[in-house]
N, C-alpha and C. Protein backbone atom coordinates (compact mmCIF):
# COMPACT_ATOMS: atom_id res chain seq x y z
N MET A 1 123.27 101.47 83.64
CA MET A 1 122.53 101.69 84.90
C MET A 1 123.06 100.74 85.98
N LYS A 2 123.50 101.33 87.09
CA LYS A 2 124.01 100.51 88.19
C LYS A 2 122.88 100.19 89.16
N LEU A 3 122.95 98.99 89.71
CA LEU A 3 121.94 98.57 90.68
C LEU A 3 122.56 98.48 92.07
N LEU A 4 121.76 98.78 93.08
CA LEU A 4 122.20 98.63 94.46
C LEU A 4 122.42 97.16 94.77
N SER A 5 123.39 96.87 95.62
CA SER A 5 123.60 95.50 96.08
C SER A 5 122.51 95.13 97.07
N LYS A 6 122.46 93.86 97.44
CA LYS A 6 121.49 93.38 98.42
C LYS A 6 121.61 94.15 99.74
N ASN A 7 122.85 94.31 100.20
CA ASN A 7 123.08 95.03 101.46
C ASN A 7 122.68 96.49 101.34
N GLU A 8 122.96 97.10 100.19
CA GLU A 8 122.58 98.50 99.99
C GLU A 8 121.06 98.66 99.94
N MET A 9 120.38 97.71 99.29
CA MET A 9 118.91 97.73 99.27
C MET A 9 118.37 97.71 100.69
N HIS A 10 118.91 96.83 101.50
CA HIS A 10 118.46 96.71 102.90
C HIS A 10 118.69 98.01 103.65
N GLU A 11 119.82 98.62 103.42
CA GLU A 11 120.18 99.87 104.11
C GLU A 11 119.24 101.01 103.70
N VAL A 12 118.97 101.13 102.40
CA VAL A 12 118.07 102.19 101.91
C VAL A 12 116.70 102.09 102.58
N PHE A 13 116.12 100.90 102.56
CA PHE A 13 114.76 100.75 103.12
C PHE A 13 114.77 100.83 104.65
N SER A 14 115.86 100.41 105.27
CA SER A 14 115.98 100.56 106.74
C SER A 14 115.95 102.04 107.12
N ARG A 15 116.67 102.85 106.35
CA ARG A 15 116.69 104.30 106.64
C ARG A 15 115.32 104.92 106.43
N TRP A 16 114.67 104.56 105.32
CA TRP A 16 113.32 105.10 105.07
C TRP A 16 112.34 104.67 106.16
N GLN A 17 112.46 103.42 106.59
CA GLN A 17 111.56 102.90 107.63
C GLN A 17 111.79 103.65 108.94
N LYS A 18 113.05 103.88 109.27
CA LYS A 18 113.37 104.59 110.52
C LYS A 18 112.82 106.01 110.47
N ALA A 19 112.94 106.67 109.32
CA ALA A 19 112.47 108.05 109.17
C ALA A 19 110.95 108.14 109.12
N ASN A 20 110.30 107.10 108.61
CA ASN A 20 108.84 107.12 108.43
C ASN A 20 108.30 105.70 108.62
N PRO A 21 108.11 105.29 109.89
CA PRO A 21 107.77 103.89 110.19
C PRO A 21 106.41 103.42 109.66
N ALA A 22 105.48 104.36 109.48
CA ALA A 22 104.13 103.95 109.04
C ALA A 22 103.65 104.85 107.90
N PRO A 23 104.25 104.71 106.72
CA PRO A 23 103.84 105.56 105.59
C PRO A 23 102.43 105.20 105.13
N ALA A 24 101.72 106.19 104.64
CA ALA A 24 100.33 105.96 104.20
C ALA A 24 100.06 106.72 102.92
N SER A 25 99.01 106.31 102.24
CA SER A 25 98.59 107.02 101.04
C SER A 25 98.20 108.45 101.40
N GLU A 26 98.56 109.39 100.55
CA GLU A 26 98.17 110.78 100.78
C GLU A 26 96.78 111.08 100.22
N LEU A 27 96.18 110.10 99.55
CA LEU A 27 94.79 110.25 99.12
C LEU A 27 93.88 110.05 100.33
N GLU A 28 92.90 110.91 100.48
CA GLU A 28 91.99 110.81 101.63
C GLU A 28 90.75 109.99 101.24
N TYR A 29 90.36 109.08 102.12
CA TYR A 29 89.22 108.20 101.84
C TYR A 29 88.56 107.79 103.14
N VAL A 30 87.34 107.28 103.04
CA VAL A 30 86.61 106.88 104.26
C VAL A 30 86.32 105.38 104.31
N ASN A 31 86.43 104.71 103.17
CA ASN A 31 86.19 103.26 103.12
C ASN A 31 86.82 102.73 101.82
N PRO A 32 86.82 101.41 101.62
CA PRO A 32 87.44 100.87 100.40
C PRO A 32 86.89 101.45 99.11
N PHE A 33 85.58 101.69 99.05
CA PHE A 33 84.98 102.24 97.84
C PHE A 33 85.52 103.63 97.54
N THR A 34 85.59 104.48 98.56
CA THR A 34 86.05 105.84 98.31
C THR A 34 87.54 105.87 97.96
N LEU A 35 88.34 104.95 98.49
CA LEU A 35 89.74 104.89 98.06
C LEU A 35 89.81 104.53 96.57
N LEU A 36 89.03 103.53 96.17
CA LEU A 36 89.01 103.11 94.76
C LEU A 36 88.66 104.30 93.86
N VAL A 37 87.63 105.04 94.22
CA VAL A 37 87.22 106.20 93.42
C VAL A 37 88.34 107.25 93.41
N ALA A 38 88.95 107.50 94.56
CA ALA A 38 90.02 108.50 94.65
C ALA A 38 91.20 108.13 93.75
N VAL A 39 91.55 106.84 93.73
CA VAL A 39 92.70 106.42 92.90
C VAL A 39 92.36 106.56 91.42
N VAL A 40 91.13 106.21 91.03
CA VAL A 40 90.71 106.39 89.63
C VAL A 40 90.77 107.87 89.25
N LEU A 41 90.32 108.74 90.15
CA LEU A 41 90.33 110.18 89.87
C LEU A 41 91.75 110.75 89.84
N SER A 42 92.70 110.07 90.49
CA SER A 42 94.06 110.61 90.62
C SER A 42 94.93 110.41 89.39
N ALA A 43 94.44 109.67 88.39
CA ALA A 43 95.23 109.46 87.17
C ALA A 43 95.56 110.82 86.54
N GLN A 44 96.85 111.06 86.32
CA GLN A 44 97.33 112.33 85.72
C GLN A 44 96.84 113.56 86.49
N ALA A 45 96.71 113.41 87.81
CA ALA A 45 96.32 114.53 88.67
C ALA A 45 97.07 114.40 89.99
N THR A 46 97.20 115.48 90.72
CA THR A 46 97.89 115.41 92.02
C THR A 46 96.92 114.93 93.10
N ASP A 47 97.49 114.30 94.13
CA ASP A 47 96.67 113.85 95.26
C ASP A 47 95.98 115.04 95.92
N LYS A 48 96.68 116.18 95.98
CA LYS A 48 96.08 117.37 96.62
C LYS A 48 94.82 117.82 95.88
N SER A 49 94.88 117.83 94.54
CA SER A 49 93.72 118.27 93.77
C SER A 49 92.56 117.29 93.92
N VAL A 50 92.90 116.00 94.02
CA VAL A 50 91.86 114.98 94.20
C VAL A 50 91.22 115.12 95.59
N ASN A 51 92.04 115.28 96.61
CA ASN A 51 91.51 115.42 97.98
C ASN A 51 90.59 116.63 98.11
N LYS A 52 90.96 117.71 97.43
CA LYS A 52 90.14 118.93 97.47
C LYS A 52 88.75 118.67 96.89
N ALA A 53 88.72 117.87 95.81
CA ALA A 53 87.45 117.56 95.14
C ALA A 53 86.64 116.53 95.91
N THR A 54 87.32 115.53 96.47
CA THR A 54 86.58 114.40 97.08
C THR A 54 86.10 114.70 98.50
N ALA A 55 86.70 115.69 99.17
CA ALA A 55 86.25 115.98 100.54
C ALA A 55 84.74 116.26 100.58
N PRO A 56 84.21 117.19 99.75
CA PRO A 56 82.76 117.38 99.74
C PRO A 56 82.00 116.24 99.06
N LEU A 57 82.63 115.62 98.04
CA LEU A 57 81.95 114.53 97.31
C LEU A 57 81.63 113.36 98.22
N PHE A 58 82.63 112.92 99.00
CA PHE A 58 82.43 111.73 99.83
C PHE A 58 81.48 111.96 101.00
N LYS A 59 81.18 113.22 101.28
CA LYS A 59 80.17 113.49 102.32
C LYS A 59 78.77 113.16 101.82
N VAL A 60 78.59 113.24 100.50
CA VAL A 60 77.26 112.96 99.94
C VAL A 60 77.20 111.61 99.21
N ALA A 61 78.37 111.07 98.83
CA ALA A 61 78.36 109.81 98.06
C ALA A 61 79.56 108.96 98.45
N ASP A 62 79.35 108.11 99.47
CA ASP A 62 80.45 107.24 99.93
C ASP A 62 80.16 105.75 99.69
N THR A 63 79.14 105.48 98.85
CA THR A 63 78.83 104.09 98.46
C THR A 63 78.51 104.10 96.96
N PRO A 64 78.59 102.93 96.30
CA PRO A 64 78.22 102.88 94.88
C PRO A 64 76.79 103.35 94.63
N GLU A 65 75.88 102.99 95.54
CA GLU A 65 74.48 103.38 95.36
C GLU A 65 74.32 104.90 95.36
N LYS A 66 74.95 105.54 96.34
CA LYS A 66 74.82 107.00 96.44
C LYS A 66 75.50 107.70 95.26
N MET A 67 76.61 107.12 94.79
CA MET A 67 77.32 107.72 93.66
C MET A 67 76.46 107.61 92.40
N LEU A 68 75.84 106.46 92.18
CA LEU A 68 74.97 106.29 91.02
C LEU A 68 73.76 107.22 91.10
N ALA A 69 73.27 107.45 92.32
CA ALA A 69 72.12 108.35 92.49
C ALA A 69 72.48 109.78 92.07
N LEU A 70 73.75 110.15 92.28
CA LEU A 70 74.21 111.47 91.82
C LEU A 70 74.14 111.57 90.31
N GLY A 71 74.56 110.48 89.63
CA GLY A 71 74.64 110.48 88.18
C GLY A 71 75.84 111.29 87.69
N GLU A 72 76.16 111.11 86.41
CA GLU A 72 77.32 111.82 85.86
C GLU A 72 77.15 113.33 85.98
N GLU A 73 75.94 113.81 85.70
CA GLU A 73 75.71 115.26 85.74
C GLU A 73 75.86 115.80 87.16
N GLY A 74 75.52 114.98 88.15
CA GLY A 74 75.67 115.40 89.55
C GLY A 74 77.10 115.28 90.04
N LEU A 75 77.84 114.32 89.46
CA LEU A 75 79.23 114.10 89.88
C LEU A 75 80.18 115.15 89.32
N ILE A 76 79.96 115.55 88.07
CA ILE A 76 80.91 116.43 87.37
C ILE A 76 81.21 117.73 88.12
N PRO A 77 80.22 118.42 88.70
CA PRO A 77 80.56 119.66 89.43
C PRO A 77 81.57 119.44 90.56
N TYR A 78 81.54 118.27 91.18
CA TYR A 78 82.50 117.97 92.27
C TYR A 78 83.92 117.78 91.74
N ILE A 79 84.05 117.16 90.55
CA ILE A 79 85.38 116.77 90.06
C ILE A 79 85.87 117.60 88.88
N LYS A 80 85.15 118.69 88.58
CA LYS A 80 85.49 119.49 87.39
C LYS A 80 86.89 120.10 87.47
N SER A 81 87.40 120.27 88.69
CA SER A 81 88.73 120.86 88.87
C SER A 81 89.85 119.86 88.56
N ILE A 82 89.49 118.58 88.39
CA ILE A 82 90.49 117.54 88.12
C ILE A 82 90.56 117.30 86.61
N GLY A 83 91.74 117.03 86.11
CA GLY A 83 91.90 116.76 84.68
C GLY A 83 91.11 115.55 84.22
N LEU A 84 90.70 115.55 82.95
CA LEU A 84 89.98 114.43 82.33
C LEU A 84 88.69 114.10 83.08
N TYR A 85 88.02 115.14 83.62
CA TYR A 85 86.89 114.87 84.51
C TYR A 85 85.72 114.18 83.82
N LYS A 86 85.53 114.43 82.51
CA LYS A 86 84.38 113.80 81.82
C LYS A 86 84.56 112.29 81.72
N SER A 87 85.75 111.86 81.28
CA SER A 87 85.96 110.41 81.16
C SER A 87 86.02 109.76 82.54
N LYS A 88 86.56 110.49 83.52
CA LYS A 88 86.61 109.93 84.88
C LYS A 88 85.22 109.79 85.48
N ALA A 89 84.33 110.74 85.20
CA ALA A 89 82.94 110.64 85.68
C ALA A 89 82.28 109.41 85.08
N SER A 90 82.55 109.17 83.81
CA SER A 90 82.00 107.99 83.14
C SER A 90 82.55 106.71 83.75
N HIS A 91 83.87 106.69 84.01
CA HIS A 91 84.49 105.51 84.64
C HIS A 91 83.88 105.24 86.02
N VAL A 92 83.71 106.29 86.81
CA VAL A 92 83.18 106.11 88.17
C VAL A 92 81.77 105.53 88.13
N MET A 93 80.94 106.04 87.23
CA MET A 93 79.59 105.50 87.12
C MET A 93 79.62 104.03 86.68
N GLY A 94 80.50 103.75 85.73
CA GLY A 94 80.62 102.37 85.23
C GLY A 94 81.10 101.41 86.30
N LEU A 95 82.09 101.84 87.09
CA LEU A 95 82.59 100.93 88.12
C LEU A 95 81.57 100.75 89.24
N CYS A 96 80.77 101.79 89.52
CA CYS A 96 79.70 101.65 90.53
C CYS A 96 78.68 100.61 90.08
N ARG A 97 78.29 100.68 88.81
CA ARG A 97 77.31 99.70 88.29
C ARG A 97 77.87 98.29 88.37
N LYS A 98 79.14 98.14 87.98
CA LYS A 98 79.77 96.81 87.98
C LYS A 98 79.91 96.27 89.41
N LEU A 99 80.27 97.15 90.35
CA LEU A 99 80.38 96.72 91.75
C LEU A 99 79.04 96.18 92.25
N LEU A 100 77.97 96.88 91.89
CA LEU A 100 76.64 96.45 92.35
C LEU A 100 76.18 95.19 91.61
N ASP A 101 76.44 95.12 90.31
CA ASP A 101 75.98 93.98 89.51
C ASP A 101 76.78 92.70 89.79
N ASN A 102 78.09 92.84 89.97
CA ASN A 102 78.96 91.65 90.03
C ASN A 102 79.55 91.35 91.40
N PHE A 103 79.60 92.38 92.28
CA PHE A 103 80.32 92.17 93.54
C PHE A 103 79.51 92.60 94.77
N SER A 104 78.19 92.59 94.65
CA SER A 104 77.30 92.95 95.77
C SER A 104 77.66 94.30 96.39
N GLY A 105 78.20 95.20 95.57
CA GLY A 105 78.52 96.54 96.05
C GLY A 105 79.84 96.64 96.81
N GLN A 106 80.55 95.50 96.92
CA GLN A 106 81.81 95.48 97.67
C GLN A 106 83.01 95.57 96.73
N VAL A 107 84.09 96.20 97.19
CA VAL A 107 85.32 96.27 96.40
C VAL A 107 85.99 94.89 96.43
N PRO A 108 86.22 94.27 95.26
CA PRO A 108 86.82 92.93 95.25
C PRO A 108 88.29 92.95 95.67
N GLY A 109 88.79 91.80 96.11
CA GLY A 109 90.13 91.72 96.68
C GLY A 109 91.16 91.02 95.83
N THR A 110 90.91 90.89 94.51
CA THR A 110 91.95 90.34 93.64
C THR A 110 92.22 91.31 92.50
N ARG A 111 93.44 91.27 91.98
CA ARG A 111 93.82 92.16 90.89
C ARG A 111 92.96 91.90 89.66
N GLU A 112 92.73 90.62 89.38
CA GLU A 112 91.94 90.25 88.18
C GLU A 112 90.54 90.84 88.25
N GLU A 113 89.90 90.72 89.42
CA GLU A 113 88.54 91.25 89.57
C GLU A 113 88.54 92.78 89.52
N LEU A 114 89.50 93.39 90.20
CA LEU A 114 89.56 94.86 90.20
C LEU A 114 89.74 95.41 88.79
N MET A 115 90.56 94.71 87.99
CA MET A 115 90.85 95.22 86.64
C MET A 115 89.70 95.01 85.66
N THR A 116 88.62 94.35 86.11
CA THR A 116 87.42 94.28 85.26
C THR A 116 86.58 95.56 85.41
N LEU A 117 86.91 96.40 86.39
CA LEU A 117 86.12 97.61 86.63
C LEU A 117 86.57 98.74 85.69
N PRO A 118 85.63 99.50 85.14
CA PRO A 118 86.00 100.63 84.27
C PRO A 118 86.95 101.60 84.97
N GLY A 119 88.00 102.02 84.25
CA GLY A 119 88.93 103.00 84.80
C GLY A 119 89.99 102.43 85.72
N VAL A 120 89.96 101.10 85.94
CA VAL A 120 90.91 100.48 86.86
C VAL A 120 91.96 99.69 86.09
N GLY A 121 93.17 100.21 86.07
CA GLY A 121 94.30 99.51 85.47
C GLY A 121 95.11 98.81 86.54
N ARG A 122 96.26 98.30 86.15
CA ARG A 122 97.09 97.52 87.07
C ARG A 122 97.57 98.36 88.26
N LYS A 123 97.98 99.61 87.99
CA LYS A 123 98.48 100.45 89.08
C LYS A 123 97.38 100.72 90.11
N THR A 124 96.20 101.09 89.63
CA THR A 124 95.07 101.36 90.54
C THR A 124 94.73 100.12 91.35
N ALA A 125 94.67 98.97 90.68
CA ALA A 125 94.37 97.71 91.38
C ALA A 125 95.42 97.44 92.46
N ASN A 126 96.69 97.67 92.13
CA ASN A 126 97.76 97.43 93.09
C ASN A 126 97.66 98.36 94.30
N VAL A 127 97.27 99.62 94.09
CA VAL A 127 97.09 100.55 95.22
C VAL A 127 96.01 100.02 96.15
N VAL A 128 94.87 99.62 95.60
CA VAL A 128 93.75 99.13 96.42
C VAL A 128 94.16 97.86 97.17
N LEU A 129 94.83 96.95 96.48
CA LEU A 129 95.26 95.70 97.13
C LEU A 129 96.24 95.98 98.27
N ASN A 130 97.11 96.97 98.07
CA ASN A 130 98.11 97.29 99.09
C ASN A 130 97.50 98.01 100.28
N VAL A 131 96.72 99.06 100.00
CA VAL A 131 96.23 99.93 101.08
C VAL A 131 95.06 99.29 101.82
N ILE A 132 94.14 98.69 101.10
CA ILE A 132 92.94 98.13 101.73
C ILE A 132 93.15 96.69 102.18
N PHE A 133 93.76 95.88 101.31
CA PHE A 133 93.87 94.45 101.59
C PHE A 133 95.25 94.05 102.11
N LYS A 134 96.13 95.06 102.35
CA LYS A 134 97.44 94.84 102.98
C LYS A 134 98.32 93.85 102.23
N GLN A 135 98.17 93.82 100.91
CA GLN A 135 99.01 92.91 100.12
C GLN A 135 100.31 93.63 99.70
N PRO A 136 101.42 92.89 99.60
CA PRO A 136 102.71 93.49 99.25
C PRO A 136 102.84 93.75 97.75
N THR A 137 101.94 94.57 97.23
CA THR A 137 101.96 94.87 95.79
C THR A 137 102.83 96.10 95.53
N MET A 138 103.10 96.37 94.26
CA MET A 138 104.00 97.46 93.89
C MET A 138 103.34 98.33 92.82
N PRO A 139 102.51 99.31 93.22
CA PRO A 139 101.90 100.21 92.23
C PRO A 139 102.97 101.15 91.66
N VAL A 140 103.25 101.04 90.38
CA VAL A 140 104.29 101.88 89.78
C VAL A 140 103.65 103.10 89.11
N ASP A 141 103.82 104.25 89.74
CA ASP A 141 103.33 105.51 89.16
C ASP A 141 104.52 106.24 88.52
N THR A 142 104.32 107.49 88.15
CA THR A 142 105.40 108.24 87.48
C THR A 142 106.61 108.41 88.39
N HIS A 143 106.37 108.56 89.69
CA HIS A 143 107.48 108.73 90.63
C HIS A 143 108.34 107.46 90.71
N LEU A 144 107.68 106.33 90.89
CA LEU A 144 108.43 105.06 90.99
C LEU A 144 109.15 104.75 89.69
N LEU A 145 108.49 105.03 88.58
CA LEU A 145 109.08 104.73 87.27
C LEU A 145 110.33 105.58 87.04
N ARG A 146 110.32 106.80 87.50
CA ARG A 146 111.46 107.70 87.31
C ARG A 146 112.57 107.44 88.32
N VAL A 147 112.20 107.30 89.59
CA VAL A 147 113.18 107.27 90.67
C VAL A 147 113.85 105.90 90.84
N SER A 148 113.10 104.82 90.68
CA SER A 148 113.66 103.49 90.99
C SER A 148 114.91 103.16 90.17
N PRO A 149 114.90 103.34 88.84
CA PRO A 149 116.13 103.08 88.08
C PRO A 149 117.22 104.11 88.39
N LYS A 150 116.82 105.36 88.64
CA LYS A 150 117.79 106.43 88.89
C LYS A 150 118.63 106.14 90.15
N ILE A 151 117.96 105.72 91.21
CA ILE A 151 118.65 105.43 92.47
C ILE A 151 119.46 104.14 92.38
N GLY A 152 118.94 103.19 91.59
CA GLY A 152 119.55 101.87 91.52
C GLY A 152 118.73 100.80 92.22
N LEU A 153 117.46 101.13 92.51
CA LEU A 153 116.58 100.17 93.17
C LEU A 153 116.13 99.06 92.22
N ALA A 154 115.94 99.43 90.96
CA ALA A 154 115.35 98.49 90.00
C ALA A 154 115.85 98.80 88.60
N GLU A 155 115.65 97.83 87.72
CA GLU A 155 115.95 98.08 86.30
C GLU A 155 114.64 98.05 85.52
N GLY A 156 114.68 98.64 84.34
CA GLY A 156 113.48 98.67 83.51
C GLY A 156 113.10 100.10 83.17
N ASN A 157 112.26 100.23 82.13
CA ASN A 157 111.80 101.57 81.74
C ASN A 157 110.30 101.58 81.43
N THR A 158 109.61 100.51 81.84
CA THR A 158 108.15 100.48 81.75
C THR A 158 107.61 100.14 83.14
N PRO A 159 106.35 100.51 83.43
CA PRO A 159 105.79 100.17 84.74
C PRO A 159 105.90 98.68 85.06
N GLU A 160 105.66 97.84 84.06
CA GLU A 160 105.67 96.39 84.30
C GLU A 160 107.07 95.88 84.65
N THR A 161 108.10 96.34 83.90
CA THR A 161 109.45 95.84 84.17
C THR A 161 109.98 96.38 85.50
N VAL A 162 109.68 97.65 85.80
CA VAL A 162 110.12 98.21 87.09
C VAL A 162 109.40 97.52 88.24
N GLU A 163 108.11 97.25 88.08
CA GLU A 163 107.35 96.54 89.12
C GLU A 163 107.97 95.17 89.40
N ALA A 164 108.24 94.42 88.34
CA ALA A 164 108.81 93.07 88.51
C ALA A 164 110.18 93.14 89.18
N SER A 165 110.99 94.11 88.77
CA SER A 165 112.34 94.25 89.32
C SER A 165 112.29 94.62 90.81
N LEU A 166 111.41 95.55 91.16
CA LEU A 166 111.28 95.94 92.57
C LEU A 166 110.80 94.78 93.43
N LEU A 167 109.80 94.05 92.95
CA LEU A 167 109.27 92.92 93.72
C LEU A 167 110.34 91.86 93.94
N GLU A 168 111.21 91.71 92.97
CA GLU A 168 112.27 90.70 93.06
C GLU A 168 113.41 91.16 93.99
N ARG A 169 113.68 92.47 94.02
CA ARG A 169 114.88 92.97 94.69
C ARG A 169 114.66 93.52 96.11
N ILE A 170 113.47 94.00 96.42
CA ILE A 170 113.24 94.59 97.74
C ILE A 170 113.17 93.49 98.80
N PRO A 171 113.89 93.64 99.91
CA PRO A 171 113.81 92.65 100.98
C PRO A 171 112.36 92.48 101.45
N PRO A 172 111.92 91.22 101.63
CA PRO A 172 110.50 90.94 101.91
C PRO A 172 109.90 91.74 103.07
N GLN A 173 110.70 91.98 104.12
CA GLN A 173 110.14 92.66 105.30
C GLN A 173 109.75 94.11 105.02
N PHE A 174 110.25 94.67 103.91
CA PHE A 174 109.93 96.07 103.57
C PHE A 174 108.87 96.18 102.47
N LEU A 175 108.47 95.06 101.90
CA LEU A 175 107.65 95.11 100.68
C LEU A 175 106.32 95.82 100.85
N HIS A 176 105.64 95.60 101.97
CA HIS A 176 104.31 96.18 102.11
C HIS A 176 104.32 97.70 102.01
N ASP A 177 105.31 98.34 102.62
CA ASP A 177 105.34 99.81 102.65
C ASP A 177 106.25 100.41 101.59
N ALA A 178 106.94 99.57 100.82
CA ALA A 178 108.00 100.04 99.92
C ALA A 178 107.53 101.10 98.93
N HIS A 179 106.39 100.88 98.30
CA HIS A 179 105.99 101.83 97.25
C HIS A 179 105.69 103.20 97.84
N HIS A 180 105.17 103.25 99.08
CA HIS A 180 104.93 104.55 99.73
C HIS A 180 106.25 105.30 99.92
N TRP A 181 107.27 104.60 100.42
CA TRP A 181 108.55 105.26 100.68
C TRP A 181 109.17 105.79 99.38
N ILE A 182 109.13 104.96 98.32
CA ILE A 182 109.72 105.38 97.05
C ILE A 182 108.94 106.57 96.47
N LEU A 183 107.61 106.49 96.51
CA LEU A 183 106.76 107.56 95.99
C LEU A 183 107.02 108.87 96.73
N LEU A 184 107.04 108.81 98.06
CA LEU A 184 107.26 110.02 98.86
C LEU A 184 108.66 110.59 98.61
N HIS A 185 109.62 109.70 98.42
CA HIS A 185 110.99 110.13 98.12
C HIS A 185 111.02 110.89 96.79
N GLY A 186 110.31 110.34 95.79
CA GLY A 186 110.26 110.99 94.48
C GLY A 186 109.46 112.29 94.50
N ARG A 187 108.44 112.34 95.32
CA ARG A 187 107.56 113.51 95.37
C ARG A 187 108.20 114.69 96.11
N TYR A 188 108.95 114.39 97.17
CA TYR A 188 109.42 115.47 98.04
C TYR A 188 110.94 115.66 98.09
N VAL A 189 111.70 114.64 97.75
CA VAL A 189 113.17 114.74 97.86
C VAL A 189 113.82 114.63 96.48
N CYS A 190 113.64 113.48 95.84
CA CYS A 190 114.27 113.23 94.55
C CYS A 190 113.33 113.72 93.43
N THR A 191 113.06 115.01 93.46
CA THR A 191 112.11 115.60 92.52
C THR A 191 112.71 115.64 91.11
N ALA A 192 111.85 115.69 90.11
CA ALA A 192 112.31 115.68 88.72
C ALA A 192 113.17 116.90 88.42
N ARG A 193 112.71 118.05 88.93
CA ARG A 193 113.51 119.27 88.78
C ARG A 193 114.10 119.61 90.14
N ASN A 194 115.35 119.97 90.14
CA ASN A 194 116.03 120.38 91.38
C ASN A 194 115.89 119.39 92.53
N PRO A 195 116.37 118.15 92.35
CA PRO A 195 116.32 117.19 93.46
C PRO A 195 117.10 117.70 94.66
N LYS A 196 116.59 117.41 95.86
CA LYS A 196 117.19 117.93 97.10
C LYS A 196 118.25 116.94 97.62
N CYS A 197 119.31 116.77 96.85
CA CYS A 197 120.34 115.78 97.19
C CYS A 197 120.98 116.05 98.55
N GLU A 198 121.10 117.34 98.90
CA GLU A 198 121.75 117.68 100.17
C GLU A 198 120.90 117.28 101.38
N GLU A 199 119.59 117.10 101.16
CA GLU A 199 118.69 116.69 102.26
C GLU A 199 118.43 115.18 102.24
N CYS A 200 118.92 114.50 101.22
CA CYS A 200 118.56 113.10 101.00
C CYS A 200 119.27 112.17 101.99
N ILE A 201 118.50 111.32 102.66
CA ILE A 201 119.09 110.44 103.68
C ILE A 201 119.75 109.20 103.06
N ILE A 202 119.61 109.03 101.75
CA ILE A 202 120.31 107.89 101.11
C ILE A 202 121.31 108.40 100.07
N ASN A 203 121.68 109.66 100.19
CA ASN A 203 122.57 110.31 99.23
C ASN A 203 123.88 109.55 99.03
N ASP A 204 124.41 108.98 100.14
CA ASP A 204 125.70 108.30 100.07
C ASP A 204 125.64 106.94 99.38
N ILE A 205 124.40 106.44 99.19
CA ILE A 205 124.23 105.11 98.57
C ILE A 205 123.74 105.23 97.13
N CYS A 206 123.03 106.32 96.83
CA CYS A 206 122.37 106.51 95.52
C CYS A 206 123.32 106.30 94.36
N LYS A 207 122.92 105.45 93.42
CA LYS A 207 123.77 105.13 92.27
C LYS A 207 123.83 106.27 91.25
N HIS A 208 122.90 107.20 91.35
CA HIS A 208 122.92 108.36 90.44
C HIS A 208 124.18 109.20 90.68
N ASN A 209 124.68 109.11 91.91
CA ASN A 209 125.86 109.91 92.26
C ASN A 209 127.17 109.22 91.93
N ASP A 210 127.12 107.96 91.49
CA ASP A 210 128.35 107.22 91.18
C ASP A 210 128.98 107.72 89.89
């Protein structure tokens, strides 16, 4: 596996930044709590399917209190179209209770605290820290795990090793938005099947082509 040089790394992220100066999560949310719920629901599901389910849900339950008032039986009809909806409904209720019991109903701002919540793993915690708390974290999802080594951005074959490699190699000025650019690149350009190499703005640098 070949890795991009320091200059090539800078060039890749410069091009992505120029093409998309303010990338954002494609999950729709109205406050920190609803983003947290949306990310938990998005495990092994598409953002589009989650947004479709949460649009009506967040109109009636946009706080831990309102979500708990719905209860699992009230929540399930909203999220039944999403995979693993039963376990996700249980996670959402559990994290609502924990938020109220331990964090005064507020979404905590550290990875350690976030990962004490049911259904919240490292990737989910990193998304919340990045999007809500503006921290330069690196949530490694299936897109980042597949695309980063392929392009030459990072080495590793587990979320943890790819995360560490990306954090070490990405120029600091691009870190905050980096995971959005890589994710969007994997979702729309460097797709698993039939990647759109002819449309790719980093095609001339990509190590997959070497």
